[in-house]
């Protein structure tokens, strides 16, 4: 019995004197690559609780969240003066003049060069001569003439343009006092027109 106790004490003494074996803590589960094992939820698998030096206690840095690049700002509609977008007509006529077609050619070039322009509004007007019903018809004919020409020159669809004949325009200032017919017709030249307005893409 005494010999057994001496042997046991000798074994314990040798174990106490032996240096600690370096390596990962045995309280966490490790894989073949010497990395801590995680469960299906991403949590470290432990065999028991450990202190702060436990590799399972280290919180991994969160993965950076990619930031989407901001969408590019829509292209602005070209700024075109009202006079450049106004087509004038001769008295009691819906035919385009050479000056009118030159203006429309310029507008078609602007439309074709800008993706921001999705459509146009075309509004026709007349002067104060004639009945309201006659002038409404004439205003529609003028607007239709402009639309047809733009359709032949620009990329816009002929089915989406807003075309309206608005009939008699607001009387030109100062023409009421003009008595002679020819002079009055000349005075109202600015009323016999079609105005074109650009419409933007819907975002």
Protein backbone atom coordinates (compact mmCIF):
# COMPACT_ATOMS: atom_id res chain seq x y z
CA UNK A 1 0.00 0.00 0.00
CA UNK A 2 2.76 2.36 0.88
CA UNK A 3 4.48 1.55 -2.39
CA UNK A 4 1.28 2.42 -4.30
CA UNK A 5 0.89 5.79 -2.55
CA UNK A 6 4.49 6.68 -3.29
CA UNK A 7 4.00 5.84 -6.95
CA UNK A 8 0.85 7.96 -7.17
CA UNK A 9 2.56 10.92 -5.54
CA UNK A 10 5.45 10.59 -7.93
CA UNK A 11 3.11 10.66 -10.94
CA UNK A 12 1.31 13.77 -9.62
CA UNK A 13 4.60 15.52 -9.00
CA UNK A 14 5.80 14.79 -12.53
CA UNK A 15 2.50 16.05 -13.99
CA UNK A 16 2.69 19.25 -11.96
CA UNK A 17 6.26 19.88 -13.01
CA UNK A 18 5.61 19.23 -16.72
CA UNK A 19 5.23 22.43 -18.85
CA UNK A 20 1.78 23.34 -20.21
CA UNK A 21 1.22 22.13 -23.75
CA UNK A 22 0.65 25.07 -26.10
CA UNK A 23 -2.43 24.94 -28.26
CA UNK A 24 -6.03 26.01 -28.44
CA UNK A 25 -8.26 25.94 -25.43
CA UNK A 26 -10.05 22.64 -24.96
CA UNK A 27 -13.21 24.40 -23.82
CA UNK A 28 -14.16 25.37 -27.41
CA UNK A 29 -14.78 23.08 -30.35
CA UNK A 30 -12.04 23.29 -33.01
CA UNK A 31 -11.95 22.04 -36.57
CA UNK A 32 -9.09 20.44 -38.50
CA UNK A 33 -7.77 23.89 -39.51
CA UNK A 34 -7.46 24.82 -35.83
CA UNK A 35 -10.43 27.24 -36.17
CA UNK A 36 -13.34 27.48 -33.71
CA UNK A 37 -16.47 25.67 -34.93
CA UNK A 38 -19.72 27.61 -35.43
CA UNK A 39 -23.31 26.36 -35.45
CA UNK A 40 -25.97 27.05 -38.09
CA UNK A 41 -26.71 30.44 -36.52
CA UNK A 42 -23.07 31.50 -36.65
CA UNK A 43 -22.54 31.07 -32.89
CA UNK A 44 -19.35 29.47 -31.56
CA UNK A 45 -19.70 25.91 -30.23
CA UNK A 46 -18.41 25.64 -26.66
CA UNK A 47 -17.78 22.77 -24.29
CA UNK A 48 -18.14 25.14 -21.30
CA UNK A 49 -18.01 28.89 -20.58
CA UNK A 50 -14.61 30.48 -20.85
CA UNK A 51 -13.06 33.83 -20.03
CA UNK A 52 -12.59 36.83 -22.36
CA UNK A 53 -9.59 35.21 -24.04
CA UNK A 54 -11.86 32.52 -25.43
CA UNK A 55 -11.78 32.74 -29.25
CA UNK A 56 -15.53 32.20 -29.20
CA UNK A 57 -15.94 35.39 -27.19
CA UNK A 58 -14.40 37.50 -29.95
CA UNK A 59 -17.12 39.30 -31.89
CA UNK A 60 -16.30 39.32 -35.60
CA UNK A 61 -16.33 42.65 -37.38
CA UNK A 62 -19.58 43.09 -39.35
CA UNK A 63 -19.22 42.82 -43.10
CA UNK A 64 -19.35 46.23 -44.76
CA UNK A 65 -22.72 47.03 -46.33
CA UNK A 66 -22.25 48.02 -49.96
CA UNK A 67 -23.55 51.51 -50.69
CA UNK A 68 -25.30 51.82 -54.02
CA UNK A 69 -24.15 54.66 -56.20
CA UNK A 70 -26.80 57.40 -56.47
CA UNK A 71 -28.81 57.39 -59.66
CA UNK A 72 -27.70 60.04 -62.10
CA UNK A 73 -29.83 63.16 -62.16
CA UNK A 74 -32.20 63.33 -65.13
CA UNK A 75 -31.08 65.54 -67.96
CA UNK A 76 -32.80 68.93 -67.92
CA UNK A 77 -35.09 70.02 -70.73
CA UNK A 78 -33.36 72.52 -73.02
CA UNK A 79 -34.35 76.10 -72.36
CA UNK A 80 -35.88 77.54 -75.52
CA UNK A 81 -37.37 81.03 -75.62
CA UNK A 82 -41.11 81.31 -76.27
CA UNK A 83 -40.53 83.30 -79.46
CA UNK A 84 -38.41 80.45 -80.85
CA UNK A 85 -41.27 78.05 -80.04
CA UNK A 86 -43.96 80.23 -81.65
CA UNK A 87 -45.04 79.67 -85.27
CA UNK A 88 -46.91 82.49 -87.03
CA UNK A 89 -49.45 82.22 -89.84
CA UNK A 90 -50.80 84.45 -92.56
CA UNK A 91 -54.32 85.81 -92.27
CA UNK A 92 -57.03 83.14 -92.60
CA UNK A 93 -54.44 80.47 -93.37
CA UNK A 94 -53.14 77.26 -91.80
CA UNK A 95 -50.27 76.86 -94.27
CA UNK A 96 -46.70 76.99 -92.95
CA UNK A 97 -44.47 79.73 -94.29
CA UNK A 98 -40.77 79.42 -95.08
CA UNK A 99 -39.94 81.23 -91.85
CA UNK A 100 -42.18 78.80 -89.93
CA UNK A 101 -40.56 75.67 -91.35
CA UNK A 102 -37.10 77.07 -90.56
CA UNK A 103 -38.17 77.48 -86.92
CA UNK A 104 -39.64 74.00 -86.84
CA UNK A 105 -36.44 72.54 -88.28
CA UNK A 106 -34.51 74.12 -85.40
CA UNK A 107 -36.99 72.76 -82.85
CA UNK A 108 -36.81 69.27 -84.39
CA UNK A 109 -33.01 69.37 -84.03
CA UNK A 110 -33.36 70.31 -80.35
CA UNK A 111 -35.92 67.53 -79.77
CA UNK A 112 -33.77 64.92 -81.50
CA UNK A 113 -30.73 65.92 -79.46
CA UNK A 114 -32.39 65.80 -76.03
CA UNK A 115 -33.55 62.60 -74.33
CA UNK A 116 -35.26 64.74 -71.68
CA UNK A 117 -38.02 65.79 -74.08
CA UNK A 118 -40.72 63.11 -74.06
CA UNK A 119 -43.55 64.96 -75.77
CA UNK A 120 -44.79 68.36 -76.87
CA UNK A 121 -47.90 70.46 -76.43
CA UNK A 122 -49.09 72.26 -79.55
CA UNK A 123 -51.72 74.99 -79.09
CA UNK A 124 -53.22 76.94 -81.99
CA UNK A 125 -54.67 80.47 -81.91
CA UNK A 126 -56.39 82.90 -84.28
CA UNK A 127 -56.99 86.64 -84.39
CA UNK A 128 -60.30 88.37 -83.66
CA UNK A 129 -61.75 88.25 -87.17
CA UNK A 130 -64.59 85.81 -87.85
CA UNK A 131 -66.92 83.76 -85.65
CA UNK A 132 -65.79 81.72 -82.68
CA UNK A 133 -66.70 78.41 -84.34
CA UNK A 134 -64.81 79.29 -87.52
CA UNK A 135 -61.73 80.37 -85.59
CA UNK A 136 -61.77 77.24 -83.43
CA UNK A 137 -61.62 75.14 -86.58
CA UNK A 138 -58.86 77.32 -88.03
CA UNK A 139 -56.86 77.11 -84.79
CA UNK A 140 -57.07 73.31 -84.89
CA UNK A 141 -55.88 73.27 -88.49
CA UNK A 142 -52.88 75.42 -87.62
CA UNK A 143 -51.94 73.18 -84.69
CA UNK A 144 -52.33 70.10 -86.92
CA UNK A 145 -50.04 71.64 -89.57
CA UNK A 146 -47.31 72.16 -86.99
CA UNK A 147 -47.75 68.66 -85.56
CA UNK A 148 -47.55 67.04 -88.99
CA UNK A 149 -44.36 68.88 -89.85
CA UNK A 150 -42.70 68.07 -86.50
CA UNK A 151 -43.70 64.42 -86.92
CA UNK A 152 -41.82 64.30 -90.20
CA UNK A 153 -38.66 65.84 -88.71
CA UNK A 154 -38.41 64.75 -85.08
CA UNK A 155 -38.25 61.45 -83.20
CA UNK A 156 -41.49 62.06 -81.26
CA UNK A 157 -44.50 59.84 -81.77
CA UNK A 158 -47.40 61.48 -83.56
CA UNK A 159 -49.88 59.71 -81.29
CA UNK A 160 -48.88 61.33 -78.01
CA UNK A 161 -48.59 65.03 -78.80
CA UNK A 162 -51.21 67.24 -77.19
CA UNK A 163 -52.74 69.24 -80.03
CA UNK A 164 -55.45 71.81 -79.30
CA UNK A 165 -57.01 74.69 -81.15
CA UNK A 166 -57.83 77.37 -78.60
CA UNK A 167 -59.58 79.70 -81.03
CA UNK A 168 -59.32 83.44 -80.69
CA UNK A 169 -56.26 84.72 -78.90
CA UNK A 170 -56.21 87.60 -76.44
CA UNK A 171 -56.60 90.73 -78.57
CA UNK A 172 -53.34 92.44 -79.40
CA UNK A 173 -52.90 95.62 -77.39
CA UNK A 174 -53.59 98.79 -79.35
CA UNK A 175 -55.39 97.09 -82.27
CA UNK A 176 -58.89 98.01 -81.10
CA UNK A 177 -58.40 101.61 -82.18
CA UNK A 178 -57.23 100.64 -85.66
CA UNK A 179 -60.10 101.13 -88.11
CA UNK A 180 -58.82 100.16 -91.54
CA UNK A 181 -59.17 96.42 -92.22
CA UNK A 182 -55.71 95.88 -93.74
CA UNK A 183 -54.03 97.76 -90.94
CA UNK A 184 -56.06 95.85 -88.35
CA UNK A 185 -55.10 92.51 -89.91
CA UNK A 186 -51.44 93.53 -89.83
CA UNK A 187 -51.79 94.69 -86.22
CA UNK A 188 -53.12 91.25 -85.16
CA UNK A 189 -50.30 89.29 -86.79
CA UNK A 190 -48.99 88.11 -83.39
CA UNK A 191 -52.34 86.51 -82.60
CA UNK A 192 -52.28 84.13 -85.58
CA UNK A 193 -49.89 81.59 -84.11
CA UNK A 194 -49.15 78.16 -82.70
CA UNK A 195 -47.20 77.80 -79.46
CA UNK A 196 -45.10 74.69 -78.79
CA UNK A 197 -44.18 73.52 -75.29
CA UNK A 198 -41.78 70.72 -74.40
CA UNK A 199 -42.85 68.02 -71.93
CA UNK A 200 -40.33 66.17 -69.77
CA UNK A 201 -39.88 62.45 -69.16
CA UNK A 202 -41.92 61.16 -66.21
CA UNK A 203 -39.49 59.89 -63.53
